[in-house]
N, C-alpha and C. Protein backbone atom coordinates (compact mmCIF):
# COMPACT_ATOMS: atom_id res chain seq x y z
N SER A 1 14.75 -6.95 4.99
CA SER A 1 14.63 -8.18 4.21
C SER A 1 14.06 -9.33 5.04
N GLN A 2 14.24 -9.28 6.37
CA GLN A 2 13.73 -10.38 7.19
C GLN A 2 12.20 -10.42 7.20
N TYR A 3 11.54 -9.32 6.83
CA TYR A 3 10.08 -9.27 6.82
C TYR A 3 9.49 -9.38 5.41
N GLU A 4 10.34 -9.64 4.43
CA GLU A 4 9.94 -9.62 3.02
C GLU A 4 8.73 -10.51 2.72
N GLN A 5 8.66 -11.66 3.30
CA GLN A 5 7.59 -12.61 2.99
C GLN A 5 6.46 -12.61 4.02
N THR A 6 6.45 -11.58 4.88
CA THR A 6 5.43 -11.54 5.94
C THR A 6 4.19 -10.79 5.49
N ARG A 7 3.11 -11.01 6.23
CA ARG A 7 1.84 -10.33 5.95
C ARG A 7 1.99 -8.81 5.96
N HIS A 8 2.84 -8.32 6.83
CA HIS A 8 3.01 -6.87 6.99
C HIS A 8 3.63 -6.23 5.76
N ASN A 9 4.15 -7.04 4.85
CA ASN A 9 4.84 -6.53 3.67
C ASN A 9 3.98 -6.62 2.41
N VAL A 10 2.70 -6.89 2.55
CA VAL A 10 1.83 -7.08 1.39
C VAL A 10 1.78 -5.84 0.49
N GLY A 11 1.98 -4.67 1.05
CA GLY A 11 2.04 -3.45 0.23
C GLY A 11 3.21 -3.48 -0.74
N PHE A 12 4.34 -4.01 -0.28
CA PHE A 12 5.50 -4.15 -1.16
C PHE A 12 5.23 -5.20 -2.24
N TRP A 13 4.49 -6.25 -1.91
CA TRP A 13 4.15 -7.26 -2.93
C TRP A 13 3.36 -6.60 -4.05
N TRP A 14 2.44 -5.71 -3.68
CA TRP A 14 1.62 -4.98 -4.64
C TRP A 14 2.52 -4.14 -5.55
N LEU A 15 3.43 -3.38 -4.93
CA LEU A 15 4.34 -2.53 -5.70
C LEU A 15 5.25 -3.35 -6.61
N ASP A 16 5.74 -4.47 -6.09
CA ASP A 16 6.61 -5.34 -6.90
C ASP A 16 5.85 -5.91 -8.09
N GLN A 17 4.58 -6.26 -7.89
CA GLN A 17 3.77 -6.79 -8.99
C GLN A 17 3.55 -5.72 -10.06
N LEU A 18 3.23 -4.52 -9.64
CA LEU A 18 3.02 -3.42 -10.58
C LEU A 18 4.31 -3.13 -11.36
N ALA A 19 5.42 -3.07 -10.66
CA ALA A 19 6.71 -2.83 -11.32
C ALA A 19 7.00 -3.93 -12.33
N SER A 20 6.75 -5.17 -11.95
CA SER A 20 6.97 -6.30 -12.85
C SER A 20 6.07 -6.19 -14.09
N ASP A 21 4.80 -5.83 -13.88
CA ASP A 21 3.87 -5.69 -15.00
C ASP A 21 4.34 -4.64 -16.01
N PHE A 22 4.98 -3.59 -15.53
CA PHE A 22 5.49 -2.53 -16.41
C PHE A 22 6.94 -2.75 -16.84
N GLY A 23 7.58 -3.81 -16.33
CA GLY A 23 8.98 -4.06 -16.67
C GLY A 23 9.92 -3.03 -16.09
N LEU A 24 9.61 -2.53 -14.90
CA LEU A 24 10.41 -1.50 -14.25
C LEU A 24 11.11 -2.05 -13.03
N SER A 25 12.17 -1.37 -12.60
CA SER A 25 12.93 -1.79 -11.43
C SER A 25 13.07 -0.62 -10.46
N PHE A 26 13.00 -0.95 -9.19
CA PHE A 26 13.20 0.06 -8.15
C PHE A 26 14.68 0.40 -8.02
N LYS A 27 14.94 1.67 -7.73
CA LYS A 27 16.30 2.14 -7.46
C LYS A 27 16.29 2.88 -6.13
N THR A 28 17.31 2.63 -5.31
CA THR A 28 17.38 3.27 -4.00
C THR A 28 17.63 4.76 -4.17
N GLU A 29 16.83 5.55 -3.46
CA GLU A 29 16.94 7.01 -3.44
C GLU A 29 17.03 7.44 -1.98
N SER A 30 18.25 7.71 -1.52
CA SER A 30 18.45 8.01 -0.11
C SER A 30 17.71 9.26 0.34
N ARG A 31 17.54 10.24 -0.54
CA ARG A 31 16.83 11.46 -0.11
C ARG A 31 15.36 11.20 0.20
N PHE A 32 14.83 10.08 -0.32
CA PHE A 32 13.45 9.70 -0.03
C PHE A 32 13.37 8.51 0.92
N HIS A 33 14.50 8.07 1.43
CA HIS A 33 14.54 6.98 2.41
C HIS A 33 13.84 5.74 1.88
N GLY A 34 14.04 5.45 0.60
CA GLY A 34 13.36 4.30 0.03
C GLY A 34 13.83 3.95 -1.36
N GLN A 35 13.13 3.01 -1.94
CA GLN A 35 13.36 2.60 -3.32
C GLN A 35 12.26 3.20 -4.16
N LEU A 36 12.63 3.74 -5.33
CA LEU A 36 11.71 4.56 -6.11
C LEU A 36 11.68 4.12 -7.57
N ILE A 37 10.51 4.25 -8.14
CA ILE A 37 10.31 4.17 -9.59
C ILE A 37 9.50 5.39 -9.97
N GLN A 38 9.91 6.05 -11.05
CA GLN A 38 9.07 7.09 -11.63
C GLN A 38 8.57 6.55 -12.96
N TYR A 39 7.26 6.54 -13.12
CA TYR A 39 6.64 6.02 -14.33
C TYR A 39 5.78 7.13 -14.93
N THR A 40 5.98 7.39 -16.21
CA THR A 40 5.21 8.42 -16.90
C THR A 40 4.57 7.83 -18.14
N ASN A 41 3.28 8.11 -18.30
CA ASN A 41 2.60 7.77 -19.54
C ASN A 41 1.91 9.04 -20.01
N PRO A 42 1.24 9.04 -21.16
CA PRO A 42 0.65 10.29 -21.65
C PRO A 42 -0.33 10.97 -20.69
N GLU A 43 -1.00 10.19 -19.84
CA GLU A 43 -1.98 10.78 -18.94
C GLU A 43 -1.49 11.07 -17.53
N HIS A 44 -0.47 10.33 -17.08
CA HIS A 44 -0.11 10.41 -15.66
C HIS A 44 1.40 10.32 -15.45
N LYS A 45 1.82 10.98 -14.37
CA LYS A 45 3.17 10.79 -13.85
C LYS A 45 2.99 10.14 -12.49
N VAL A 46 3.60 8.98 -12.29
CA VAL A 46 3.39 8.20 -11.08
C VAL A 46 4.73 7.87 -10.45
N TRP A 47 4.82 8.04 -9.13
CA TRP A 47 5.98 7.60 -8.38
C TRP A 47 5.55 6.44 -7.50
N LEU A 48 6.35 5.40 -7.52
CA LEU A 48 6.14 4.26 -6.62
C LEU A 48 7.28 4.29 -5.63
N ILE A 49 6.97 4.23 -4.35
CA ILE A 49 8.04 4.24 -3.35
C ILE A 49 7.83 3.12 -2.35
N LYS A 50 8.93 2.43 -2.07
CA LYS A 50 8.98 1.41 -1.04
C LYS A 50 9.90 1.94 0.06
N PRO A 51 9.31 2.41 1.17
CA PRO A 51 10.14 2.96 2.24
C PRO A 51 11.15 1.93 2.75
N LEU A 52 12.35 2.39 3.02
CA LEU A 52 13.38 1.54 3.60
C LEU A 52 13.59 1.85 5.08
N THR A 53 12.69 2.65 5.62
CA THR A 53 12.70 2.93 7.05
C THR A 53 12.08 1.74 7.77
N PHE A 54 12.06 1.78 9.09
CA PHE A 54 11.28 0.79 9.81
C PHE A 54 9.84 0.93 9.33
N MET A 55 9.10 -0.18 9.32
CA MET A 55 7.73 -0.16 8.79
C MET A 55 6.86 0.90 9.47
N ASN A 56 7.06 1.11 10.75
CA ASN A 56 6.24 2.06 11.47
C ASN A 56 6.69 3.50 11.28
N ARG A 57 7.69 3.71 10.43
CA ARG A 57 8.19 5.06 10.12
C ARG A 57 8.04 5.37 8.63
N SER A 58 7.09 4.73 7.98
CA SER A 58 6.88 4.91 6.53
C SER A 58 6.58 6.35 6.16
N GLY A 59 6.01 7.11 7.07
CA GLY A 59 5.67 8.50 6.78
C GLY A 59 6.87 9.34 6.42
N GLN A 60 8.02 9.02 6.96
CA GLN A 60 9.24 9.77 6.65
C GLN A 60 9.52 9.71 5.15
N SER A 61 9.39 8.55 4.57
CA SER A 61 9.64 8.33 3.16
C SER A 61 8.55 8.97 2.30
N VAL A 62 7.30 8.71 2.65
CA VAL A 62 6.17 9.24 1.89
C VAL A 62 6.19 10.77 1.90
N ALA A 63 6.41 11.37 3.05
CA ALA A 63 6.42 12.83 3.15
C ALA A 63 7.60 13.44 2.41
N ALA A 64 8.76 12.80 2.45
CA ALA A 64 9.92 13.32 1.72
C ALA A 64 9.62 13.40 0.23
N LEU A 65 9.03 12.35 -0.31
CA LEU A 65 8.68 12.33 -1.74
C LEU A 65 7.59 13.35 -2.04
N ALA A 66 6.54 13.37 -1.22
CA ALA A 66 5.42 14.29 -1.45
C ALA A 66 5.88 15.75 -1.36
N ASN A 67 6.71 16.06 -0.39
CA ASN A 67 7.19 17.44 -0.24
C ASN A 67 8.09 17.85 -1.40
N PHE A 68 8.97 16.96 -1.82
CA PHE A 68 9.91 17.29 -2.91
C PHE A 68 9.16 17.54 -4.22
N TYR A 69 8.21 16.70 -4.54
CA TYR A 69 7.48 16.82 -5.81
C TYR A 69 6.16 17.58 -5.68
N LYS A 70 5.90 18.15 -4.50
CA LYS A 70 4.68 18.94 -4.27
C LYS A 70 3.42 18.14 -4.59
N ILE A 71 3.37 16.91 -4.07
CA ILE A 71 2.23 16.03 -4.29
C ILE A 71 1.26 16.22 -3.12
N PRO A 72 0.04 16.67 -3.41
CA PRO A 72 -0.93 16.83 -2.32
C PRO A 72 -1.39 15.48 -1.79
N ALA A 73 -1.77 15.44 -0.54
CA ALA A 73 -2.19 14.19 0.10
C ALA A 73 -3.30 13.51 -0.70
N GLU A 74 -4.19 14.29 -1.30
CA GLU A 74 -5.32 13.74 -2.06
C GLU A 74 -4.86 12.91 -3.26
N ASN A 75 -3.62 13.13 -3.71
CA ASN A 75 -3.08 12.41 -4.86
C ASN A 75 -2.17 11.24 -4.47
N ILE A 76 -2.19 10.88 -3.21
CA ILE A 76 -1.35 9.79 -2.71
C ILE A 76 -2.21 8.55 -2.47
N LEU A 77 -1.72 7.41 -2.92
CA LEU A 77 -2.35 6.12 -2.67
C LEU A 77 -1.39 5.30 -1.83
N VAL A 78 -1.83 4.93 -0.64
CA VAL A 78 -1.01 4.10 0.26
C VAL A 78 -1.57 2.69 0.21
N ILE A 79 -0.72 1.73 -0.06
CA ILE A 79 -1.10 0.32 -0.10
C ILE A 79 -0.66 -0.29 1.22
N HIS A 80 -1.59 -0.93 1.94
CA HIS A 80 -1.19 -1.47 3.24
C HIS A 80 -1.99 -2.71 3.62
N ASP A 81 -1.42 -3.44 4.56
CA ASP A 81 -2.07 -4.63 5.12
C ASP A 81 -3.22 -4.21 6.01
N GLU A 82 -4.26 -5.03 6.03
CA GLU A 82 -5.44 -4.73 6.82
C GLU A 82 -5.89 -5.97 7.59
N LEU A 83 -5.73 -5.93 8.90
CA LEU A 83 -6.13 -7.04 9.78
C LEU A 83 -7.63 -7.30 9.77
N ASP A 84 -8.42 -6.28 9.57
CA ASP A 84 -9.86 -6.40 9.71
C ASP A 84 -10.56 -6.89 8.45
N LEU A 85 -9.81 -7.34 7.47
CA LEU A 85 -10.39 -7.91 6.25
C LEU A 85 -9.86 -9.33 6.07
N PRO A 86 -10.69 -10.23 5.54
CA PRO A 86 -10.20 -11.59 5.25
C PRO A 86 -9.04 -11.55 4.26
N ALA A 87 -8.17 -12.52 4.35
CA ALA A 87 -6.99 -12.57 3.46
C ALA A 87 -7.42 -12.48 2.01
N GLY A 88 -6.88 -11.47 1.32
CA GLY A 88 -7.13 -11.29 -0.10
C GLY A 88 -8.25 -10.34 -0.43
N THR A 89 -9.08 -9.98 0.52
CA THR A 89 -10.13 -8.99 0.29
C THR A 89 -9.46 -7.63 0.20
N VAL A 90 -9.84 -6.84 -0.79
CA VAL A 90 -9.23 -5.53 -0.99
C VAL A 90 -10.32 -4.47 -1.01
N ARG A 91 -10.06 -3.39 -0.31
CA ARG A 91 -10.99 -2.27 -0.26
C ARG A 91 -10.23 -0.97 -0.46
N LEU A 92 -10.86 -0.06 -1.18
CA LEU A 92 -10.34 1.28 -1.36
C LEU A 92 -11.12 2.23 -0.47
N LYS A 93 -10.45 3.21 0.07
CA LYS A 93 -11.15 4.25 0.82
C LYS A 93 -10.29 5.49 0.85
N ARG A 94 -10.95 6.63 0.96
CA ARG A 94 -10.25 7.90 1.07
C ARG A 94 -10.37 8.38 2.51
N GLY A 95 -9.23 8.79 3.05
CA GLY A 95 -9.22 9.37 4.37
C GLY A 95 -9.52 8.37 5.48
N GLY A 96 -9.72 8.90 6.65
CA GLY A 96 -9.98 8.07 7.81
C GLY A 96 -8.82 8.10 8.77
N GLY A 97 -8.98 7.38 9.85
CA GLY A 97 -7.93 7.32 10.87
C GLY A 97 -6.91 6.25 10.55
N HIS A 98 -6.09 5.95 11.54
CA HIS A 98 -5.05 4.94 11.34
C HIS A 98 -5.49 3.56 11.77
N GLY A 99 -6.57 3.47 12.54
CA GLY A 99 -7.09 2.18 12.97
C GLY A 99 -6.09 1.32 13.71
N GLY A 100 -5.14 1.96 14.40
CA GLY A 100 -4.12 1.21 15.13
C GLY A 100 -2.94 0.79 14.28
N HIS A 101 -2.96 1.09 12.98
CA HIS A 101 -1.86 0.73 12.07
C HIS A 101 -0.78 1.79 12.21
N ASN A 102 0.35 1.39 12.77
CA ASN A 102 1.40 2.37 13.07
C ASN A 102 2.03 3.00 11.84
N GLY A 103 2.09 2.27 10.74
CA GLY A 103 2.60 2.85 9.49
C GLY A 103 1.68 3.98 9.02
N LEU A 104 0.37 3.74 9.05
CA LEU A 104 -0.60 4.79 8.68
C LEU A 104 -0.53 5.96 9.66
N ARG A 105 -0.38 5.65 10.94
CA ARG A 105 -0.27 6.70 11.96
C ARG A 105 0.89 7.64 11.62
N ASP A 106 2.03 7.06 11.22
CA ASP A 106 3.20 7.88 10.91
C ASP A 106 3.00 8.66 9.60
N ILE A 107 2.37 8.05 8.61
CA ILE A 107 2.11 8.76 7.36
C ILE A 107 1.19 9.95 7.62
N ILE A 108 0.14 9.75 8.38
CA ILE A 108 -0.77 10.85 8.73
C ILE A 108 -0.01 11.95 9.46
N SER A 109 0.82 11.58 10.40
CA SER A 109 1.59 12.55 11.17
C SER A 109 2.58 13.32 10.28
N GLN A 110 3.30 12.61 9.45
CA GLN A 110 4.33 13.24 8.61
C GLN A 110 3.72 14.11 7.50
N LEU A 111 2.59 13.66 6.93
CA LEU A 111 1.94 14.45 5.87
C LEU A 111 1.13 15.60 6.45
N GLY A 112 0.71 15.46 7.71
CA GLY A 112 -0.17 16.46 8.30
C GLY A 112 -1.58 16.37 7.72
N SER A 113 -1.92 15.21 7.18
CA SER A 113 -3.22 15.02 6.57
C SER A 113 -3.58 13.53 6.59
N LYS A 114 -4.86 13.26 6.66
CA LYS A 114 -5.33 11.87 6.55
C LYS A 114 -6.17 11.68 5.29
N ASP A 115 -6.10 12.65 4.38
CA ASP A 115 -6.96 12.66 3.20
C ASP A 115 -6.40 11.91 2.00
N PHE A 116 -5.45 11.01 2.23
CA PHE A 116 -4.92 10.22 1.13
C PHE A 116 -5.80 8.99 0.91
N LEU A 117 -5.64 8.40 -0.25
CA LEU A 117 -6.38 7.20 -0.62
C LEU A 117 -5.65 5.99 -0.07
N ARG A 118 -6.42 5.01 0.37
CA ARG A 118 -5.83 3.78 0.91
C ARG A 118 -6.34 2.59 0.12
N CYS A 119 -5.44 1.70 -0.20
CA CYS A 119 -5.78 0.40 -0.76
C CYS A 119 -5.45 -0.60 0.34
N ARG A 120 -6.50 -1.12 0.96
CA ARG A 120 -6.37 -1.98 2.14
C ARG A 120 -6.44 -3.44 1.69
N ILE A 121 -5.36 -4.16 1.86
CA ILE A 121 -5.29 -5.55 1.45
C ILE A 121 -5.43 -6.43 2.69
N GLY A 122 -6.50 -7.22 2.70
CA GLY A 122 -6.80 -8.05 3.85
C GLY A 122 -5.75 -9.13 4.09
N ILE A 123 -5.35 -9.23 5.37
CA ILE A 123 -4.40 -10.27 5.77
C ILE A 123 -5.03 -11.17 6.83
N ASP A 124 -6.28 -10.88 7.20
CA ASP A 124 -7.02 -11.61 8.22
C ASP A 124 -6.51 -11.24 9.61
N HIS A 125 -7.16 -11.72 10.61
CA HIS A 125 -6.83 -11.40 12.00
C HIS A 125 -6.56 -12.71 12.74
N PRO A 126 -5.58 -12.72 13.64
CA PRO A 126 -5.29 -13.97 14.34
C PRO A 126 -6.38 -14.38 15.33
N GLY A 127 -7.31 -13.47 15.63
CA GLY A 127 -8.39 -13.81 16.55
C GLY A 127 -8.17 -13.31 17.96
N ASN A 128 -6.94 -12.99 18.30
CA ASN A 128 -6.62 -12.52 19.64
C ASN A 128 -5.69 -11.31 19.50
N SER A 129 -6.06 -10.20 20.08
CA SER A 129 -5.28 -8.97 19.93
C SER A 129 -3.85 -9.10 20.46
N LYS A 130 -3.63 -10.01 21.40
CA LYS A 130 -2.28 -10.21 21.94
C LYS A 130 -1.36 -10.90 20.93
N GLN A 131 -1.94 -11.50 19.91
CA GLN A 131 -1.15 -12.23 18.91
C GLN A 131 -0.87 -11.41 17.65
N VAL A 132 -1.39 -10.18 17.57
CA VAL A 132 -1.31 -9.39 16.34
C VAL A 132 0.12 -9.15 15.88
N ALA A 133 1.01 -8.70 16.76
CA ALA A 133 2.38 -8.38 16.36
C ALA A 133 3.08 -9.59 15.73
N ASP A 134 3.01 -10.73 16.40
CA ASP A 134 3.64 -11.92 15.85
C ASP A 134 2.97 -12.36 14.56
N TYR A 135 1.65 -12.21 14.50
CA TYR A 135 0.89 -12.63 13.33
C TYR A 135 1.27 -11.83 12.09
N VAL A 136 1.27 -10.50 12.19
CA VAL A 136 1.57 -9.69 11.00
C VAL A 136 3.01 -9.86 10.55
N LEU A 137 3.90 -10.23 11.46
CA LEU A 137 5.30 -10.41 11.10
C LEU A 137 5.64 -11.87 10.79
N SER A 138 4.62 -12.68 10.54
CA SER A 138 4.84 -14.07 10.14
C SER A 138 4.40 -14.26 8.70
N LYS A 139 4.88 -15.35 8.11
CA LYS A 139 4.50 -15.67 6.73
C LYS A 139 3.08 -16.21 6.71
N PRO A 140 2.31 -15.82 5.70
CA PRO A 140 0.95 -16.36 5.59
C PRO A 140 0.99 -17.82 5.12
N SER A 141 -0.09 -18.52 5.35
CA SER A 141 -0.21 -19.88 4.81
C SER A 141 -0.22 -19.77 3.28
N ALA A 142 -0.01 -20.88 2.62
CA ALA A 142 -0.02 -20.89 1.15
C ALA A 142 -1.37 -20.40 0.62
N THR A 143 -2.46 -20.82 1.25
CA THR A 143 -3.79 -20.41 0.82
C THR A 143 -3.99 -18.91 1.02
N ASP A 144 -3.60 -18.40 2.19
CA ASP A 144 -3.73 -16.96 2.44
C ASP A 144 -2.88 -16.16 1.46
N ARG A 145 -1.66 -16.61 1.20
CA ARG A 145 -0.80 -15.88 0.24
C ARG A 145 -1.44 -15.89 -1.15
N GLU A 146 -1.97 -17.02 -1.56
CA GLU A 146 -2.64 -17.11 -2.86
C GLU A 146 -3.82 -16.13 -2.91
N ASN A 147 -4.60 -16.07 -1.84
CA ASN A 147 -5.72 -15.13 -1.79
C ASN A 147 -5.25 -13.68 -1.83
N MET A 148 -4.17 -13.37 -1.12
CA MET A 148 -3.63 -12.01 -1.13
C MET A 148 -3.13 -11.63 -2.52
N MET A 149 -2.48 -12.56 -3.20
CA MET A 149 -1.99 -12.27 -4.55
C MET A 149 -3.16 -12.07 -5.51
N ALA A 150 -4.24 -12.83 -5.34
CA ALA A 150 -5.43 -12.64 -6.17
C ALA A 150 -6.04 -11.25 -5.90
N GLY A 151 -6.04 -10.84 -4.65
CA GLY A 151 -6.53 -9.51 -4.29
C GLY A 151 -5.67 -8.42 -4.90
N ILE A 152 -4.36 -8.63 -4.90
CA ILE A 152 -3.45 -7.68 -5.53
C ILE A 152 -3.76 -7.58 -7.02
N ASP A 153 -3.92 -8.71 -7.68
CA ASP A 153 -4.27 -8.70 -9.11
C ASP A 153 -5.56 -7.93 -9.35
N ASN A 154 -6.58 -8.17 -8.52
CA ASN A 154 -7.85 -7.45 -8.67
C ASN A 154 -7.67 -5.95 -8.49
N SER A 155 -6.89 -5.56 -7.49
CA SER A 155 -6.72 -4.13 -7.25
C SER A 155 -5.92 -3.47 -8.37
N LEU A 156 -5.00 -4.19 -8.97
CA LEU A 156 -4.24 -3.62 -10.09
C LEU A 156 -5.11 -3.44 -11.32
N ARG A 157 -6.15 -4.24 -11.46
CA ARG A 157 -7.08 -4.09 -12.58
C ARG A 157 -7.81 -2.76 -12.54
N VAL A 158 -8.05 -2.23 -11.34
CA VAL A 158 -8.79 -0.97 -11.24
C VAL A 158 -7.86 0.24 -11.14
N LEU A 159 -6.56 0.03 -11.14
CA LEU A 159 -5.62 1.15 -11.02
C LEU A 159 -5.84 2.21 -12.10
N PRO A 160 -6.06 1.86 -13.37
CA PRO A 160 -6.32 2.92 -14.35
C PRO A 160 -7.51 3.81 -13.98
N ASP A 161 -8.56 3.22 -13.43
CA ASP A 161 -9.70 4.03 -12.99
C ASP A 161 -9.32 4.92 -11.81
N VAL A 162 -8.55 4.39 -10.88
CA VAL A 162 -8.11 5.18 -9.73
C VAL A 162 -7.28 6.38 -10.21
N LEU A 163 -6.35 6.13 -11.10
CA LEU A 163 -5.48 7.20 -11.61
C LEU A 163 -6.26 8.26 -12.39
N SER A 164 -7.33 7.82 -13.05
CA SER A 164 -8.14 8.74 -13.86
C SER A 164 -9.22 9.45 -13.04
N GLY A 165 -9.27 9.18 -11.75
CA GLY A 165 -10.24 9.84 -10.90
C GLY A 165 -11.59 9.16 -10.87
N ASN A 166 -11.70 7.98 -11.45
CA ASN A 166 -12.96 7.23 -11.44
C ASN A 166 -13.00 6.30 -10.23
N LEU A 167 -12.84 6.88 -9.06
CA LEU A 167 -12.74 6.11 -7.83
C LEU A 167 -14.00 5.30 -7.55
N GLU A 168 -15.16 5.89 -7.80
CA GLU A 168 -16.41 5.18 -7.54
C GLU A 168 -16.52 3.93 -8.42
N LYS A 169 -16.15 4.04 -9.68
CA LYS A 169 -16.18 2.89 -10.58
C LYS A 169 -15.21 1.81 -10.09
N ALA A 170 -14.01 2.23 -9.70
CA ALA A 170 -13.00 1.28 -9.20
C ALA A 170 -13.50 0.59 -7.94
N MET A 171 -14.08 1.35 -7.03
CA MET A 171 -14.57 0.79 -5.77
C MET A 171 -15.73 -0.17 -6.02
N ASN A 172 -16.66 0.21 -6.90
CA ASN A 172 -17.80 -0.67 -7.19
C ASN A 172 -17.34 -2.02 -7.70
N TRP A 173 -16.40 -2.02 -8.63
CA TRP A 173 -15.92 -3.30 -9.17
C TRP A 173 -15.12 -4.07 -8.13
N LEU A 174 -14.16 -3.40 -7.51
CA LEU A 174 -13.28 -4.07 -6.57
C LEU A 174 -14.04 -4.61 -5.36
N HIS A 175 -14.97 -3.85 -4.85
CA HIS A 175 -15.70 -4.24 -3.65
C HIS A 175 -16.73 -5.34 -3.92
N SER A 176 -16.98 -5.64 -5.20
CA SER A 176 -17.90 -6.73 -5.53
C SER A 176 -17.16 -8.05 -5.77
N GLN A 177 -15.84 -8.02 -5.68
CA GLN A 177 -15.05 -9.22 -5.92
C GLN A 177 -14.96 -10.08 -4.68
């Protein structure tokens, strides 16, 4: 809870916004080391998970859920903060390395795959690599938070395309914002 309003928690802001939009609430599921929502509509069954592990151990939660429900890595979307993008800029990509992001490093390690989809929400960079840890664990300025929330709204607009496999359409729209 001490990191709830920090840049490093922008993925949870995204999940909270989606849950709010659907009128759903997270429930703690100890077997998945996190808070979970299962949402089903006629086309899709979706699980939303907010790991309750340390942030750099998110893979434990993601892998527990994926293994239990037999979800292949290709069907997983990880929402995370991205230092290398301006605050509020959102990019989708499939696969890739961890780029120094310890949460992604753990997810890749625990899943045994890097082929999951990523929704990268820009939090900006402090300008000096020695300041990164303090920066990501601090609250953003009001302007940066507003930009991040706008980015979250934009990324949620393309979620139906992402779920339907229209990734190129989602990326074209989102990346032009």
